[in-house]
Amino acid sequence: MSANQEMRPVLDAADVGRALTRISHEIVERTRGGDVVLLGIPTRGVPIANRIGERIADVVGHQIPVGSLDITMYRDDLRLRPARALERTELPPGGIDGAVVVLVDDVLFSGRTIRAALDALGDIGRPRSVQLAVLVDRGHRELPIRADYVGKNLPTSLRENVRVQLVEIDGVDGVLLGGPDEEGTPE
C-alpha cells in the first residue's frame, strides 16, 4: 500500500470493548435474556460471539449458548474465489429450534455473508427468530439486510478496506480503515 493508503485505526481496544458491552446489554434488553443462542460466523464472528456471551452471562447470571455457523458452502461467490477451507459449525447442545438466534459477525458490508448464514441456518433448524449483531456496519448493502445490533456505523467508500483485529486471532483488538488491499479490491 502506498503511504496515503495506510491502514489507520478507527477503534482501539477500549472502543471495541465498549461496543461489545453495549451490544450485549442491547441483546439482553431486547430478548429479556431468555432462549437466546449466539452463533458466530467464522472467523472473527466466533470470538466476538464468545465475548458477547460472557458479557450477557455477567448481566443475567447464567451462561447462554454460544456456537459457530460455517457458511462456506452457502456463499454465492464459490466459483469466483479460490477454494477455502471449511470452518466448524458447532451448535450448542440444545440446538436452535425455537430459540432467538443472534448471528454475530465482525463487519456487515454487502449482506451476502448474512444471506448465506440464513440459508445455512435453514438447513440445521428452525429458530423462533433470527437477529444480527455486528461490530462494524460499513454500509454498501447489496441485499435488504440490516443489523439489529451495531457496535460502530462506519461509512466507507467502496475502495476502502475495514480490518477488524481481535486478540484471539491477531494479538490485538482494534478496527482499521484504509485503502484497497494488495489486489486493489476492498475486503
Protein backbone atom coordinates (compact mmCIF):
# COMPACT_ATOMS: atom_id res chain seq x y z
CA MET A 1 0.00 0.00 0.00
CA SER A 2 1.19 3.50 -0.65
CA ALA A 3 1.64 5.91 2.23
CA ASN A 4 -1.71 7.61 1.62
CA GLN A 5 -3.47 4.24 1.75
CA GLU A 6 -2.04 3.07 5.07
CA MET A 7 -4.48 1.48 7.45
CA ARG A 8 -5.44 3.91 10.19
CA PRO A 9 -7.10 2.98 13.49
CA VAL A 10 -10.74 3.94 13.93
CA LEU A 11 -11.42 1.86 17.06
CA ASP A 12 -8.89 0.88 19.70
CA ALA A 13 -9.13 -1.97 22.21
CA ALA A 14 -11.15 0.10 24.70
CA ASP A 15 -13.60 1.15 21.95
CA VAL A 16 -14.07 -2.48 20.88
CA GLY A 17 -14.72 -3.48 24.49
CA ARG A 18 -17.30 -0.73 24.99
CA ALA A 19 -19.04 -1.60 21.70
CA LEU A 20 -19.32 -5.29 22.65
CA THR A 21 -20.61 -4.40 26.13
CA ARG A 22 -23.25 -2.11 24.59
CA ILE A 23 -24.31 -4.81 22.10
CA SER A 24 -24.57 -7.32 24.97
CA HIS A 25 -26.81 -5.05 27.03
CA GLU A 26 -28.99 -4.32 23.99
CA ILE A 27 -29.43 -8.05 23.35
CA VAL A 28 -30.47 -8.60 26.98
CA GLU A 29 -32.92 -5.68 26.84
CA ARG A 30 -34.47 -6.80 23.58
CA THR A 31 -34.64 -10.54 24.32
CA ARG A 32 -35.02 -10.35 28.10
CA GLY A 33 -32.11 -12.81 28.27
CA GLY A 34 -34.23 -15.89 27.58
CA ASP A 35 -33.90 -18.59 24.91
CA VAL A 36 -31.04 -16.77 23.18
CA VAL A 37 -28.39 -18.61 21.17
CA LEU A 38 -25.39 -16.73 19.79
CA LEU A 39 -23.87 -18.12 16.58
CA GLY A 40 -20.60 -16.57 15.44
CA ILE A 41 -19.71 -16.60 11.76
CA PRO A 42 -16.08 -17.68 11.33
CA THR A 43 -13.53 -16.36 11.53
CA ARG A 44 -13.81 -13.23 13.66
CA GLY A 45 -17.51 -13.57 14.43
CA VAL A 46 -16.79 -16.57 16.67
CA PRO A 47 -14.59 -14.80 19.25
CA ILE A 48 -16.93 -11.80 19.15
CA ALA A 49 -19.88 -14.12 19.91
CA ASN A 50 -17.94 -15.68 22.78
CA ARG A 51 -17.16 -12.26 24.26
CA ILE A 52 -20.78 -11.14 23.94
CA GLY A 53 -21.90 -14.39 25.56
CA GLU A 54 -19.57 -13.78 28.53
CA ARG A 55 -20.88 -10.23 28.95
CA ILE A 56 -24.50 -11.38 28.77
CA ALA A 57 -23.77 -14.08 31.38
CA ASP A 58 -22.40 -11.38 33.69
CA VAL A 59 -25.68 -9.45 33.34
CA VAL A 60 -28.23 -12.30 33.53
CA GLY A 61 -26.30 -14.52 35.94
CA HIS A 62 -26.10 -17.65 33.79
CA GLN A 63 -24.34 -18.85 30.66
CA ILE A 64 -26.14 -18.56 27.35
CA PRO A 65 -25.46 -20.98 24.50
CA VAL A 66 -22.78 -19.88 22.05
CA GLY A 67 -21.77 -21.71 18.88
CA SER A 68 -20.44 -21.16 15.39
CA LEU A 69 -22.00 -21.39 11.94
CA ASP A 70 -19.89 -22.19 8.88
CA ILE A 71 -21.35 -20.59 5.76
CA THR A 72 -18.64 -21.57 3.27
CA MET A 73 -20.77 -23.89 1.13
CA TYR A 74 -23.68 -21.41 1.11
CA ARG A 75 -21.70 -18.50 -0.35
CA ASP A 76 -22.69 -17.22 -3.78
CA ASP A 77 -19.07 -16.49 -4.75
CA LEU A 78 -17.62 -20.01 -4.50
CA ARG A 79 -16.85 -20.14 -8.21
CA LEU A 80 -15.37 -16.62 -8.24
CA ARG A 81 -12.79 -17.03 -5.48
CA PRO A 82 -10.13 -19.60 -4.72
CA ALA A 83 -11.12 -22.64 -2.71
CA ARG A 84 -11.31 -22.01 1.00
CA ALA A 85 -11.18 -24.35 3.95
CA LEU A 86 -14.39 -25.32 5.65
CA GLU A 87 -14.83 -23.90 9.13
CA ARG A 88 -16.59 -25.58 12.04
CA THR A 89 -20.30 -25.41 12.73
CA GLU A 90 -20.80 -26.03 16.41
CA LEU A 91 -24.33 -25.89 17.71
CA PRO A 92 -24.98 -25.68 21.44
CA PRO A 93 -26.36 -28.92 22.97
CA GLY A 94 -29.93 -27.56 22.97
CA GLY A 95 -29.79 -26.71 19.27
CA ILE A 96 -31.52 -23.70 17.77
CA ASP A 97 -35.12 -24.85 17.34
CA GLY A 98 -37.49 -22.37 18.96
CA ALA A 99 -34.66 -20.10 20.11
CA VAL A 100 -33.86 -16.50 19.34
CA VAL A 101 -30.69 -16.90 17.29
CA VAL A 102 -28.36 -13.93 17.16
CA LEU A 103 -25.91 -14.24 14.28
CA VAL A 104 -22.64 -12.48 15.11
CA ASP A 105 -20.10 -11.20 12.61
CA ASP A 106 -17.31 -8.65 12.55
CA VAL A 107 -18.23 -6.47 9.54
CA LEU A 108 -21.52 -6.04 7.68
CA PHE A 109 -20.89 -4.94 4.10
CA SER A 110 -22.89 -6.22 1.11
CA GLY A 111 -25.11 -8.55 3.15
CA ARG A 112 -24.13 -11.63 1.16
CA THR A 113 -22.40 -13.34 4.10
CA ILE A 114 -25.55 -12.95 6.20
CA ARG A 115 -27.73 -14.25 3.36
CA ALA A 116 -25.50 -17.34 3.27
CA ALA A 117 -25.81 -17.66 7.07
CA LEU A 118 -29.60 -17.54 6.83
CA ASP A 119 -29.50 -20.31 4.22
CA ALA A 120 -27.21 -22.40 6.45
CA LEU A 121 -29.50 -21.85 9.45
CA GLY A 122 -32.46 -23.12 7.48
CA ASP A 123 -30.67 -26.42 6.93
CA ILE A 124 -29.89 -27.02 10.62
CA GLY A 125 -33.02 -25.96 12.46
CA ARG A 126 -35.95 -23.63 12.88
CA PRO A 127 -35.28 -20.76 15.25
CA ARG A 128 -38.15 -18.67 16.62
CA SER A 129 -36.45 -15.58 15.23
CA VAL A 130 -33.07 -14.51 13.85
CA GLN A 131 -31.27 -11.30 14.73
CA LEU A 132 -27.92 -9.90 13.65
CA ALA A 133 -25.12 -8.34 15.71
CA VAL A 134 -22.03 -6.85 14.05
CA LEU A 135 -19.07 -4.97 15.40
CA VAL A 136 -18.90 -2.69 12.32
CA ASP A 137 -21.55 -1.75 9.75
CA ARG A 138 -19.79 -0.14 6.80
CA GLY A 139 -22.81 0.31 4.53
CA HIS A 140 -22.98 -0.52 0.79
CA ARG A 141 -25.67 -3.20 1.09
CA GLU A 142 -26.46 -5.25 -1.99
CA LEU A 143 -29.25 -7.18 -0.26
CA PRO A 144 -32.06 -5.98 2.04
CA ILE A 145 -30.29 -6.97 5.27
CA ARG A 146 -29.92 -4.79 8.35
CA ALA A 147 -28.16 -5.42 11.66
CA ASP A 148 -30.21 -5.35 14.86
CA TYR A 149 -27.13 -4.55 16.98
CA VAL A 150 -24.20 -2.47 15.72
CA GLY A 151 -21.03 -1.59 17.59
CA LYS A 152 -19.99 1.16 15.16
CA ASN A 153 -21.51 2.55 11.97
CA LEU A 154 -18.51 3.35 9.81
CA PRO A 155 -19.35 4.98 6.47
CA THR A 156 -16.76 3.95 3.90
CA SER A 157 -16.11 4.25 0.22
CA LEU A 158 -16.25 1.08 -1.86
CA ARG A 159 -12.47 1.28 -2.33
CA GLU A 160 -11.72 1.37 1.39
CA ASN A 161 -10.91 -1.68 3.44
CA VAL A 162 -12.10 -2.36 7.00
CA ARG A 163 -9.93 -4.71 9.03
CA VAL A 164 -11.10 -5.96 12.42
CA GLN A 165 -8.36 -7.20 14.70
CA LEU A 166 -9.08 -9.41 17.71
CA VAL A 167 -6.74 -10.57 20.46
CA GLU A 168 -7.75 -14.19 19.92
CA ILE A 169 -6.59 -14.13 16.28
CA ASP A 170 -4.37 -11.08 15.78
CA GLY A 171 -2.94 -10.49 19.24
CA VAL A 172 -4.56 -7.05 19.49
CA ASP A 173 -8.07 -5.54 19.46
CA GLY A 174 -8.92 -2.75 17.05
CA VAL A 175 -10.56 -1.71 13.81
CA LEU A 176 -8.50 -0.26 10.98
CA LEU A 177 -9.63 1.63 7.89
CA GLY A 178 -7.56 2.15 4.78
CA GLY A 179 -7.14 1.84 1.06
CA PRO A 180 -7.56 -1.26 -1.08
CA ASP A 181 -5.70 -4.45 -0.30
CA GLU A 182 -2.81 -5.75 -2.39
CA GLU A 183 -5.11 -6.93 -5.18
CA GLY A 184 -6.68 -3.48 -5.40
CA THR A 185 -10.11 -4.53 -4.15
CA PRO A 186 -11.78 -3.96 -0.80
CA GLU A 187 -12.36 -6.93 1.52
